[in-house]
């Protein structure tokens, strides 16, 4: 009795390994992103590429929390205080603060507010 087993080609094995690796990575990144600011990027990775570059950069920085606002700069030891230096509200300068900051009233979108705040802080 001669039973020959067909061996998969190198390309088939390569494709299978790549597919499994991608599945494992996607499971891992979904688990890692739970409860994090950047979870929206994992759920919908097409958010950023569809925007103009200036808006993409601002949104990416705000979503990840790695921005040039006082709260982040204080957290990494660059600024002495996390509070907004542009207004008297005495609250931490982060994405949510930009919407209520009196110094940002002239800007309409969150991207404009981010770039305006960054310009004014320098």
Protein backbone atom coordinates (compact mmCIF):
# COMPACT_ATOMS: atom_id res chain seq x y z
CA UNK A 1 0.00 0.00 0.00
CA UNK A 2 1.63 3.19 -1.19
CA UNK A 3 0.11 6.33 0.26
CA UNK A 4 1.84 9.47 -0.77
CA UNK A 5 1.25 12.62 1.18
CA UNK A 6 1.35 15.79 -0.79
CA UNK A 7 3.77 18.23 0.79
CA UNK A 8 2.70 21.85 0.77
CA UNK A 9 4.76 24.20 -1.32
CA UNK A 10 7.10 26.74 0.23
CA UNK A 11 4.75 29.55 -0.86
CA UNK A 12 1.78 27.85 0.84
CA UNK A 13 3.68 27.45 4.10
CA UNK A 14 4.92 31.05 3.88
CA UNK A 15 1.36 32.30 3.31
CA UNK A 16 0.06 30.22 6.25
CA UNK A 17 2.78 31.49 8.62
CA UNK A 18 2.14 35.08 7.55
CA UNK A 19 -1.62 34.67 8.05
CA UNK A 20 -1.23 33.14 11.53
CA UNK A 21 1.28 35.80 12.56
CA UNK A 22 -1.11 38.53 11.46
CA UNK A 23 -3.99 36.89 13.38
CA UNK A 24 -1.87 36.64 16.54
CA UNK A 25 -0.71 40.24 16.20
CA UNK A 26 -4.28 41.50 15.71
CA UNK A 27 -5.46 39.63 18.83
CA UNK A 28 -2.54 41.01 20.82
CA UNK A 29 -2.98 44.63 19.68
CA UNK A 30 -6.75 44.52 20.37
CA UNK A 31 -6.06 43.27 23.90
CA UNK A 32 -3.30 45.86 24.46
CA UNK A 33 -5.49 48.74 23.27
CA UNK A 34 -8.37 48.03 25.66
CA UNK A 35 -9.10 51.17 27.65
CA UNK A 36 -6.29 53.15 26.02
CA UNK A 37 -6.67 56.48 24.21
CA UNK A 38 -5.55 54.92 20.95
CA UNK A 39 -8.12 52.11 21.00
CA UNK A 40 -10.06 53.94 18.25
CA UNK A 41 -7.07 53.52 15.91
CA UNK A 42 -7.12 49.75 16.36
CA UNK A 43 -10.88 49.48 15.86
CA UNK A 44 -10.87 51.74 12.79
CA UNK A 45 -7.37 52.03 11.30
CA UNK A 46 -8.71 54.02 8.33
CA UNK A 47 -9.49 57.08 10.51
CA UNK A 48 -6.14 58.76 10.01
CA UNK A 49 -5.18 57.98 6.37
CA UNK A 50 -8.35 59.60 5.01
CA UNK A 51 -7.55 63.01 6.53
CA UNK A 52 -5.21 65.71 5.23
CA UNK A 53 -1.70 65.35 6.70
CA UNK A 54 -1.99 68.29 9.10
CA UNK A 55 -5.26 66.93 10.53
CA UNK A 56 -3.87 63.37 10.60
CA UNK A 57 -0.84 64.42 12.64
CA UNK A 58 -2.96 66.38 15.13
CA UNK A 59 -5.50 63.56 15.51
CA UNK A 60 -2.83 60.89 15.88
CA UNK A 61 -1.04 62.88 18.56
CA UNK A 62 -4.27 63.60 20.43
CA UNK A 63 -5.49 60.00 20.18
CA UNK A 64 -2.22 58.56 21.46
CA UNK A 65 -1.68 61.23 24.10
CA UNK A 66 1.82 61.94 22.76
CA UNK A 67 1.15 65.57 21.96
CA UNK A 68 2.74 68.94 22.68
CA UNK A 69 0.17 70.01 25.26
CA UNK A 70 1.14 70.86 28.83
CA UNK A 71 -0.26 67.72 30.46
CA UNK A 72 1.91 65.42 28.33
CA UNK A 73 4.95 67.70 28.54
CA UNK A 74 4.59 67.73 32.34
CA UNK A 75 4.24 63.93 32.46
CA UNK A 76 7.55 63.48 30.59
CA UNK A 77 9.33 66.09 32.72
CA UNK A 78 9.59 69.02 30.29
CA UNK A 79 7.09 71.39 31.92
CA UNK A 80 6.70 72.22 35.60
CA UNK A 81 2.90 72.22 35.51
CA UNK A 82 0.26 70.29 33.54
CA UNK A 83 -2.08 73.30 33.62
CA UNK A 84 -2.90 75.39 30.58
CA UNK A 85 -0.57 78.41 30.34
CA UNK A 86 -2.94 80.16 27.92
CA UNK A 87 -6.01 80.64 30.12
CA UNK A 88 -7.01 81.28 33.75
CA UNK A 89 -9.08 78.06 34.15
CA UNK A 90 -6.22 76.32 35.98
CA UNK A 91 -7.01 72.91 34.49
CA UNK A 92 -4.71 70.35 32.84
CA UNK A 93 -4.08 71.17 29.19
CA UNK A 94 -5.15 68.10 27.23
CA UNK A 95 -7.51 67.26 24.37
CA UNK A 96 -10.69 67.78 26.39
CA UNK A 97 -9.42 71.10 27.74
CA UNK A 98 -8.88 72.47 24.22
CA UNK A 99 -12.65 72.45 23.65
CA UNK A 100 -13.32 74.66 26.69
CA UNK A 101 -10.18 76.82 26.69
CA UNK A 102 -11.08 80.52 26.21
CA UNK A 103 -7.79 81.05 24.35
CA UNK A 104 -8.93 78.59 21.67
CA UNK A 105 -12.36 80.10 20.93
CA UNK A 106 -11.25 81.46 17.54
CA UNK A 107 -10.51 77.93 16.27
CA UNK A 108 -13.42 75.74 15.28
CA UNK A 109 -12.07 72.18 14.89
CA UNK A 110 -10.01 70.16 17.36
CA UNK A 111 -7.16 70.04 14.82
CA UNK A 112 -7.13 73.84 14.53
CA UNK A 113 -7.26 74.16 18.31
CA UNK A 114 -4.32 71.78 18.69
CA UNK A 115 -2.09 73.64 16.22
CA UNK A 116 -3.20 77.03 17.56
CA UNK A 117 -2.40 75.99 21.15
CA UNK A 118 0.96 74.64 20.09
CA UNK A 119 1.80 77.88 18.28
CA UNK A 120 0.77 80.01 21.26
CA UNK A 121 2.76 77.91 23.74
CA UNK A 122 6.07 78.40 21.92
